[in-house]
């Protein structure tokens, strides 16, 4: 099971109004270099090489916000990467906001899969967002 980790700047950016979960484009990118909580924008990360079914910048997910009993939750559609030849290696999937220009591509969180993964031709890898608990909650 992947381990969730939040980028520290996300909470500041959230309060500053950088995010609109109803209309912004959110993407998941893959990296084999460990992100840190101190990373704040996509340019701080080393993305895997594009090609063979992996697109530079990653793949979009649809974020759906909801509120119940004073708790806001953001859920996302799963992201599936399908290799047309070898893809990787990668160990981390990082979620970022692809819409703002200042700051450009602010980071939200990353998932650590515990060891590097390389996909062979025809294999898929799914970033499975928790539909029940969501990607994040604000209380």
N, C-alpha and C. Protein backbone atom coordinates (compact mmCIF):
# COMPACT_ATOMS: atom_id res chain seq x y z
N UNK A 1 0.84 -1.18 0.00
CA UNK A 1 0.00 0.00 0.00
C UNK A 1 0.89 1.25 0.00
N UNK A 2 0.52 2.23 -0.77
CA UNK A 2 1.29 3.47 -0.88
C UNK A 2 1.11 4.33 0.36
N UNK A 3 2.16 5.06 0.70
CA UNK A 3 2.14 5.95 1.85
C UNK A 3 1.91 7.38 1.39
N UNK A 4 0.90 8.05 1.97
CA UNK A 4 0.56 9.44 1.65
C UNK A 4 1.47 10.40 2.40
N UNK A 5 1.95 11.44 1.70
CA UNK A 5 2.80 12.47 2.29
C UNK A 5 2.37 13.83 1.74
N UNK A 6 2.21 14.81 2.60
CA UNK A 6 1.76 16.15 2.18
C UNK A 6 2.97 17.07 1.99
N UNK A 7 2.91 17.90 0.95
CA UNK A 7 3.89 18.96 0.78
C UNK A 7 3.48 20.11 1.71
N UNK A 8 4.41 20.60 2.51
CA UNK A 8 4.09 21.60 3.53
C UNK A 8 3.50 22.89 2.97
N UNK A 9 3.98 23.35 1.82
CA UNK A 9 3.50 24.60 1.24
C UNK A 9 2.02 24.52 0.84
N UNK A 10 1.51 23.31 0.64
CA UNK A 10 0.11 23.15 0.22
C UNK A 10 -0.85 23.86 1.17
N UNK A 11 -0.67 23.72 2.47
CA UNK A 11 -1.62 24.33 3.41
C UNK A 11 -1.59 25.85 3.31
N UNK A 12 -0.42 26.42 3.13
CA UNK A 12 -0.30 27.88 2.95
C UNK A 12 -0.96 28.31 1.65
N UNK A 13 -0.69 27.57 0.57
CA UNK A 13 -1.30 27.89 -0.72
C UNK A 13 -2.82 27.75 -0.68
N UNK A 14 -3.31 26.79 0.07
CA UNK A 14 -4.75 26.58 0.20
C UNK A 14 -5.40 27.81 0.83
N UNK A 15 -4.82 28.30 1.91
CA UNK A 15 -5.35 29.48 2.59
C UNK A 15 -5.22 30.73 1.73
N UNK A 16 -4.18 30.79 0.90
CA UNK A 16 -3.95 31.94 0.03
C UNK A 16 -4.85 31.94 -1.19
N UNK A 17 -5.66 30.90 -1.37
CA UNK A 17 -6.59 30.87 -2.49
C UNK A 17 -5.98 30.42 -3.80
N UNK A 18 -4.89 29.68 -3.76
CA UNK A 18 -4.23 29.20 -4.98
C UNK A 18 -5.04 28.09 -5.65
N UNK A 19 -5.87 27.40 -4.89
CA UNK A 19 -6.59 26.23 -5.39
C UNK A 19 -8.07 26.49 -5.60
N UNK A 20 -8.60 26.01 -6.72
CA UNK A 20 -10.04 25.96 -6.96
C UNK A 20 -10.34 24.52 -7.37
N UNK A 21 -10.79 23.73 -6.43
CA UNK A 21 -11.01 22.31 -6.68
C UNK A 21 -12.19 22.05 -7.61
N UNK A 22 -13.00 23.07 -7.89
CA UNK A 22 -14.11 22.91 -8.82
C UNK A 22 -13.68 23.09 -10.27
N UNK A 23 -12.60 23.85 -10.53
CA UNK A 23 -12.30 24.17 -11.92
C UNK A 23 -10.85 23.98 -12.35
N UNK A 24 -9.91 23.87 -11.44
CA UNK A 24 -8.51 23.73 -11.84
C UNK A 24 -8.21 22.33 -12.37
N UNK A 25 -7.12 22.23 -13.12
CA UNK A 25 -6.65 20.94 -13.64
C UNK A 25 -5.60 20.39 -12.69
N UNK A 26 -5.82 19.17 -12.22
CA UNK A 26 -4.90 18.50 -11.31
C UNK A 26 -4.30 17.30 -12.03
N UNK A 27 -2.99 17.09 -11.84
CA UNK A 27 -2.30 15.99 -12.51
C UNK A 27 -1.47 15.18 -11.53
N UNK A 28 -1.20 13.95 -11.94
CA UNK A 28 -0.31 13.07 -11.20
C UNK A 28 0.89 12.80 -12.09
N UNK A 29 2.08 13.10 -11.58
CA UNK A 29 3.31 12.81 -12.30
C UNK A 29 4.10 11.76 -11.55
N UNK A 30 4.98 11.07 -12.26
CA UNK A 30 5.79 10.00 -11.67
C UNK A 30 7.24 10.44 -11.55
N UNK A 31 7.88 10.03 -10.46
CA UNK A 31 9.29 10.34 -10.23
C UNK A 31 9.95 9.17 -9.51
N UNK A 32 11.23 9.02 -9.71
CA UNK A 32 11.98 8.00 -8.97
C UNK A 32 12.92 8.65 -7.96
N UNK A 33 12.85 9.98 -7.88
CA UNK A 33 13.62 10.74 -6.91
C UNK A 33 12.68 11.16 -5.79
N UNK A 34 13.04 10.86 -4.56
CA UNK A 34 12.15 11.10 -3.42
C UNK A 34 11.78 12.57 -3.29
N UNK A 35 10.48 12.88 -3.35
CA UNK A 35 10.03 14.23 -3.02
C UNK A 35 10.25 14.47 -1.52
N UNK A 36 10.21 15.73 -1.11
CA UNK A 36 10.28 16.05 0.31
C UNK A 36 9.12 16.97 0.66
N UNK A 37 8.83 17.06 1.92
CA UNK A 37 7.76 17.94 2.38
C UNK A 37 8.07 19.39 2.04
N UNK A 38 9.35 19.74 1.91
CA UNK A 38 9.76 21.11 1.61
C UNK A 38 9.59 21.48 0.13
N UNK A 39 9.42 20.50 -0.77
CA UNK A 39 9.18 20.82 -2.18
C UNK A 39 7.85 21.56 -2.30
N UNK A 40 7.82 22.61 -3.14
CA UNK A 40 6.60 23.40 -3.23
C UNK A 40 6.00 23.48 -4.63
N UNK A 41 6.83 23.33 -5.67
CA UNK A 41 6.33 23.40 -7.05
C UNK A 41 6.90 22.22 -7.85
N UNK A 42 6.22 21.91 -8.95
CA UNK A 42 6.60 20.77 -9.79
C UNK A 42 8.06 20.86 -10.24
N UNK A 43 8.55 22.05 -10.51
CA UNK A 43 9.93 22.23 -10.97
C UNK A 43 10.96 21.76 -9.93
N UNK A 44 10.54 21.59 -8.67
CA UNK A 44 11.44 21.08 -7.63
C UNK A 44 11.68 19.58 -7.76
N UNK A 45 10.87 18.90 -8.58
CA UNK A 45 10.93 17.44 -8.69
C UNK A 45 11.62 17.01 -9.97
N UNK A 46 12.10 15.76 -10.00
CA UNK A 46 12.70 15.19 -11.19
C UNK A 46 11.73 14.14 -11.74
N UNK A 47 11.05 14.50 -12.80
CA UNK A 47 10.05 13.63 -13.41
C UNK A 47 10.75 12.54 -14.22
N UNK A 48 10.10 11.36 -14.34
CA UNK A 48 10.67 10.32 -15.20
C UNK A 48 10.59 10.79 -16.65
N UNK A 49 11.37 10.16 -17.50
CA UNK A 49 11.41 10.52 -18.91
C UNK A 49 10.09 10.20 -19.59
N UNK A 50 9.60 11.15 -20.37
CA UNK A 50 8.36 10.96 -21.11
C UNK A 50 8.57 9.97 -22.24
N UNK A 51 7.49 9.27 -22.60
CA UNK A 51 7.52 8.33 -23.70
C UNK A 51 7.01 6.98 -23.30
N UNK A 52 6.72 6.15 -24.28
CA UNK A 52 6.29 4.77 -24.06
C UNK A 52 5.00 4.67 -23.24
N UNK A 53 4.14 5.67 -23.38
CA UNK A 53 2.86 5.66 -22.65
C UNK A 53 2.82 6.61 -21.48
N UNK A 54 3.95 7.22 -21.15
CA UNK A 54 3.98 8.23 -20.09
C UNK A 54 4.16 9.60 -20.74
N UNK A 55 3.24 10.52 -20.44
CA UNK A 55 3.27 11.87 -21.00
C UNK A 55 3.95 12.82 -20.04
N UNK A 56 4.82 13.68 -20.56
CA UNK A 56 5.48 14.70 -19.72
C UNK A 56 4.42 15.48 -18.96
N UNK A 57 4.64 15.66 -17.67
CA UNK A 57 3.68 16.38 -16.83
C UNK A 57 2.68 15.45 -16.17
N UNK A 58 2.62 14.21 -16.62
CA UNK A 58 1.72 13.24 -16.00
C UNK A 58 0.34 13.23 -16.62
N UNK A 59 -0.60 12.70 -15.85
CA UNK A 59 -1.97 12.49 -16.33
C UNK A 59 -2.95 13.17 -15.39
N UNK A 60 -4.00 13.75 -15.97
CA UNK A 60 -4.99 14.48 -15.18
C UNK A 60 -5.90 13.55 -14.38
N UNK A 61 -6.32 14.05 -13.24
CA UNK A 61 -7.34 13.41 -12.42
C UNK A 61 -8.45 14.44 -12.22
N UNK A 62 -9.67 13.99 -12.08
CA UNK A 62 -10.77 14.90 -11.79
C UNK A 62 -10.99 14.93 -10.29
N UNK A 63 -10.84 16.10 -9.71
CA UNK A 63 -11.03 16.29 -8.28
C UNK A 63 -12.48 16.71 -8.03
N UNK A 64 -13.12 16.05 -7.08
CA UNK A 64 -14.48 16.39 -6.71
C UNK A 64 -14.53 16.78 -5.24
N UNK A 65 -14.86 18.05 -4.96
CA UNK A 65 -14.99 18.46 -3.56
C UNK A 65 -16.40 18.18 -3.03
N UNK A 66 -16.47 17.89 -1.73
CA UNK A 66 -17.76 17.71 -1.09
C UNK A 66 -17.65 18.18 0.36
N UNK A 67 -18.80 18.41 0.99
CA UNK A 67 -18.82 18.84 2.38
C UNK A 67 -19.94 18.09 3.09
N UNK A 68 -19.62 17.59 4.30
CA UNK A 68 -20.62 16.93 5.15
C UNK A 68 -20.27 17.21 6.61
N UNK A 69 -21.23 17.70 7.34
CA UNK A 69 -21.05 17.98 8.77
C UNK A 69 -19.83 18.86 9.06
N UNK A 70 -19.60 19.84 8.20
CA UNK A 70 -18.51 20.77 8.42
C UNK A 70 -17.14 20.27 8.02
N UNK A 71 -17.07 19.10 7.40
CA UNK A 71 -15.79 18.55 6.94
C UNK A 71 -15.79 18.55 5.41
N UNK A 72 -14.81 19.25 4.83
CA UNK A 72 -14.66 19.27 3.38
C UNK A 72 -13.71 18.16 2.97
N UNK A 73 -14.05 17.51 1.86
CA UNK A 73 -13.24 16.39 1.37
C UNK A 73 -13.05 16.55 -0.13
N UNK A 74 -11.84 16.21 -0.59
CA UNK A 74 -11.56 16.20 -2.03
C UNK A 74 -11.24 14.76 -2.43
N UNK A 75 -12.03 14.23 -3.35
CA UNK A 75 -11.76 12.90 -3.90
C UNK A 75 -11.30 13.06 -5.34
N UNK A 76 -10.60 12.06 -5.84
CA UNK A 76 -10.09 12.13 -7.20
C UNK A 76 -10.34 10.85 -7.96
N UNK A 77 -10.45 10.96 -9.28
CA UNK A 77 -10.56 9.77 -10.11
C UNK A 77 -9.20 9.11 -10.18
N UNK A 78 -9.19 7.79 -10.19
CA UNK A 78 -7.93 7.06 -10.29
C UNK A 78 -7.22 7.42 -11.58
N UNK A 79 -5.90 7.40 -11.54
CA UNK A 79 -5.07 7.69 -12.71
C UNK A 79 -4.40 6.39 -13.13
N UNK A 80 -4.52 6.03 -14.41
CA UNK A 80 -3.95 4.80 -14.92
C UNK A 80 -2.90 5.13 -15.98
N UNK A 81 -1.70 4.60 -15.78
CA UNK A 81 -0.62 4.73 -16.76
C UNK A 81 -0.46 3.38 -17.45
N UNK A 82 -0.46 3.38 -18.79
CA UNK A 82 -0.32 2.14 -19.56
C UNK A 82 0.93 2.23 -20.43
N UNK A 83 1.83 1.29 -20.24
CA UNK A 83 3.09 1.30 -20.97
C UNK A 83 2.92 0.75 -22.38
N UNK A 84 3.51 1.43 -23.37
CA UNK A 84 3.56 0.92 -24.74
C UNK A 84 4.94 0.34 -25.03
N UNK A 85 5.84 0.52 -24.10
CA UNK A 85 7.19 -0.06 -24.01
C UNK A 85 7.60 0.22 -22.57
N UNK A 86 8.84 -0.06 -22.21
CA UNK A 86 9.25 0.12 -20.81
C UNK A 86 9.03 1.55 -20.32
N UNK A 87 8.44 1.69 -19.12
CA UNK A 87 8.23 2.98 -18.46
C UNK A 87 8.83 2.87 -17.06
N UNK A 88 9.64 3.85 -16.71
CA UNK A 88 10.20 3.86 -15.36
C UNK A 88 11.70 3.68 -15.41
N UNK A 89 12.26 3.46 -14.25
CA UNK A 89 11.60 3.16 -12.99
C UNK A 89 11.07 4.42 -12.31
N UNK A 90 10.06 4.21 -11.44
CA UNK A 90 9.51 5.27 -10.61
C UNK A 90 9.08 4.64 -9.29
N UNK A 91 9.06 5.44 -8.26
CA UNK A 91 8.63 4.98 -6.93
C UNK A 91 7.54 5.87 -6.35
N UNK A 92 7.45 7.10 -6.86
CA UNK A 92 6.57 8.10 -6.26
C UNK A 92 5.59 8.65 -7.29
N UNK A 93 4.37 8.89 -6.85
CA UNK A 93 3.36 9.57 -7.65
C UNK A 93 3.05 10.88 -6.94
N UNK A 94 3.19 12.01 -7.64
CA UNK A 94 3.01 13.31 -7.01
C UNK A 94 1.83 14.04 -7.65
N UNK A 95 0.95 14.56 -6.80
CA UNK A 95 -0.24 15.28 -7.24
C UNK A 95 0.04 16.78 -7.19
N UNK A 96 -0.28 17.47 -8.28
CA UNK A 96 -0.06 18.92 -8.32
C UNK A 96 -1.18 19.60 -9.09
N UNK A 97 -1.25 20.93 -8.90
CA UNK A 97 -2.25 21.77 -9.56
C UNK A 97 -1.60 22.35 -10.81
N UNK A 98 -2.09 21.98 -11.98
CA UNK A 98 -1.49 22.39 -13.25
C UNK A 98 -2.02 23.74 -13.76
N UNK A 99 -2.91 24.40 -13.03
CA UNK A 99 -3.56 25.61 -13.52
C UNK A 99 -2.84 26.91 -13.17
N UNK A 100 -2.45 27.16 -11.91
CA UNK A 100 -1.87 28.47 -11.57
C UNK A 100 -0.55 28.74 -12.29
N UNK A 101 -0.29 30.02 -12.54
CA UNK A 101 0.98 30.42 -13.13
C UNK A 101 1.90 31.04 -12.08
N UNK A 102 1.33 31.49 -10.96
CA UNK A 102 2.14 32.05 -9.87
C UNK A 102 1.52 31.63 -8.53
N UNK A 103 2.06 30.68 -7.86
CA UNK A 103 3.21 29.89 -8.27
C UNK A 103 2.82 28.88 -9.34
N UNK A 104 3.75 28.54 -10.22
CA UNK A 104 3.48 27.59 -11.29
C UNK A 104 3.47 26.17 -10.73
N UNK A 105 2.43 25.43 -11.04
CA UNK A 105 2.32 24.01 -10.71
C UNK A 105 2.61 23.70 -9.24
N UNK A 106 1.83 24.27 -8.32
CA UNK A 106 2.05 24.00 -6.90
C UNK A 106 1.74 22.53 -6.55
N UNK A 107 2.56 21.98 -5.67
CA UNK A 107 2.43 20.58 -5.26
C UNK A 107 1.44 20.43 -4.11
N UNK A 108 0.78 19.28 -4.07
CA UNK A 108 -0.17 18.97 -3.01
C UNK A 108 0.37 17.87 -2.11
N UNK A 109 0.60 16.70 -2.70
CA UNK A 109 1.01 15.53 -1.92
C UNK A 109 1.64 14.50 -2.83
N UNK A 110 2.32 13.52 -2.20
CA UNK A 110 2.87 12.42 -2.98
C UNK A 110 2.64 11.11 -2.25
N UNK A 111 2.67 10.04 -3.04
CA UNK A 111 2.51 8.69 -2.52
C UNK A 111 3.79 7.92 -2.79
N UNK A 112 4.29 7.27 -1.75
CA UNK A 112 5.51 6.46 -1.83
C UNK A 112 5.08 5.00 -1.93
N UNK A 113 5.47 4.33 -3.01
CA UNK A 113 5.08 2.94 -3.24
C UNK A 113 6.07 1.95 -2.64
N UNK A 114 7.08 2.42 -1.92
CA UNK A 114 7.96 1.54 -1.16
C UNK A 114 9.17 1.01 -1.90
N UNK A 115 9.06 0.85 -3.20
CA UNK A 115 10.19 0.41 -4.02
C UNK A 115 9.92 0.84 -5.47
N UNK A 116 10.98 0.90 -6.25
CA UNK A 116 10.84 1.34 -7.64
C UNK A 116 10.05 0.34 -8.47
N UNK A 117 9.29 0.90 -9.41
CA UNK A 117 8.45 0.10 -10.31
C UNK A 117 8.88 0.41 -11.74
N UNK A 118 9.00 -0.62 -12.56
CA UNK A 118 9.21 -0.45 -13.99
C UNK A 118 8.11 -1.23 -14.70
N UNK A 119 7.42 -0.57 -15.61
CA UNK A 119 6.35 -1.21 -16.37
C UNK A 119 6.91 -1.75 -17.68
N UNK A 120 6.51 -2.96 -18.03
CA UNK A 120 6.85 -3.54 -19.33
C UNK A 120 5.72 -3.21 -20.30
N UNK A 121 5.97 -3.40 -21.58
CA UNK A 121 4.98 -3.15 -22.62
C UNK A 121 3.64 -3.80 -22.26
N UNK A 122 2.57 -2.99 -22.27
CA UNK A 122 1.22 -3.50 -22.01
C UNK A 122 0.82 -3.50 -20.54
N UNK A 123 1.77 -3.32 -19.64
CA UNK A 123 1.42 -3.28 -18.21
C UNK A 123 0.84 -1.93 -17.83
N UNK A 124 0.01 -1.94 -16.80
CA UNK A 124 -0.58 -0.70 -16.31
C UNK A 124 -0.21 -0.49 -14.84
N UNK A 125 -0.26 0.76 -14.44
CA UNK A 125 -0.04 1.14 -13.05
C UNK A 125 -1.15 2.11 -12.69
N UNK A 126 -1.85 1.84 -11.60
CA UNK A 126 -2.98 2.68 -11.19
C UNK A 126 -2.65 3.42 -9.91
N UNK A 127 -2.79 4.73 -9.94
CA UNK A 127 -2.74 5.53 -8.72
C UNK A 127 -4.18 5.54 -8.22
N UNK A 128 -4.41 4.77 -7.18
CA UNK A 128 -5.75 4.48 -6.69
C UNK A 128 -6.09 5.42 -5.53
N UNK A 129 -6.87 6.46 -5.83
CA UNK A 129 -7.27 7.40 -4.79
C UNK A 129 -8.40 6.80 -3.96
N UNK A 130 -8.33 6.98 -2.67
CA UNK A 130 -9.30 6.45 -1.72
C UNK A 130 -10.64 7.17 -1.90
N UNK A 131 -11.63 6.49 -2.47
CA UNK A 131 -12.93 7.10 -2.74
C UNK A 131 -13.70 7.40 -1.45
N UNK A 132 -13.43 6.68 -0.39
CA UNK A 132 -14.14 6.89 0.87
C UNK A 132 -13.55 8.03 1.68
N UNK A 133 -12.25 8.01 1.88
CA UNK A 133 -11.60 9.03 2.72
C UNK A 133 -11.10 10.23 1.92
N UNK A 134 -11.02 10.08 0.62
CA UNK A 134 -10.57 11.18 -0.22
C UNK A 134 -9.07 11.35 -0.24
N UNK A 135 -8.62 12.32 -1.01
CA UNK A 135 -7.22 12.66 -1.10
C UNK A 135 -6.83 13.49 0.12
N UNK A 136 -7.76 14.35 0.52
CA UNK A 136 -7.50 15.19 1.68
C UNK A 136 -8.83 15.64 2.28
N UNK A 137 -8.78 16.00 3.55
CA UNK A 137 -9.95 16.57 4.22
C UNK A 137 -9.53 17.84 4.95
N UNK A 138 -10.49 18.75 5.08
CA UNK A 138 -10.29 19.97 5.82
C UNK A 138 -11.40 20.03 6.87
N UNK A 139 -10.99 20.13 8.12
CA UNK A 139 -11.98 20.15 9.20
C UNK A 139 -12.06 21.50 9.87
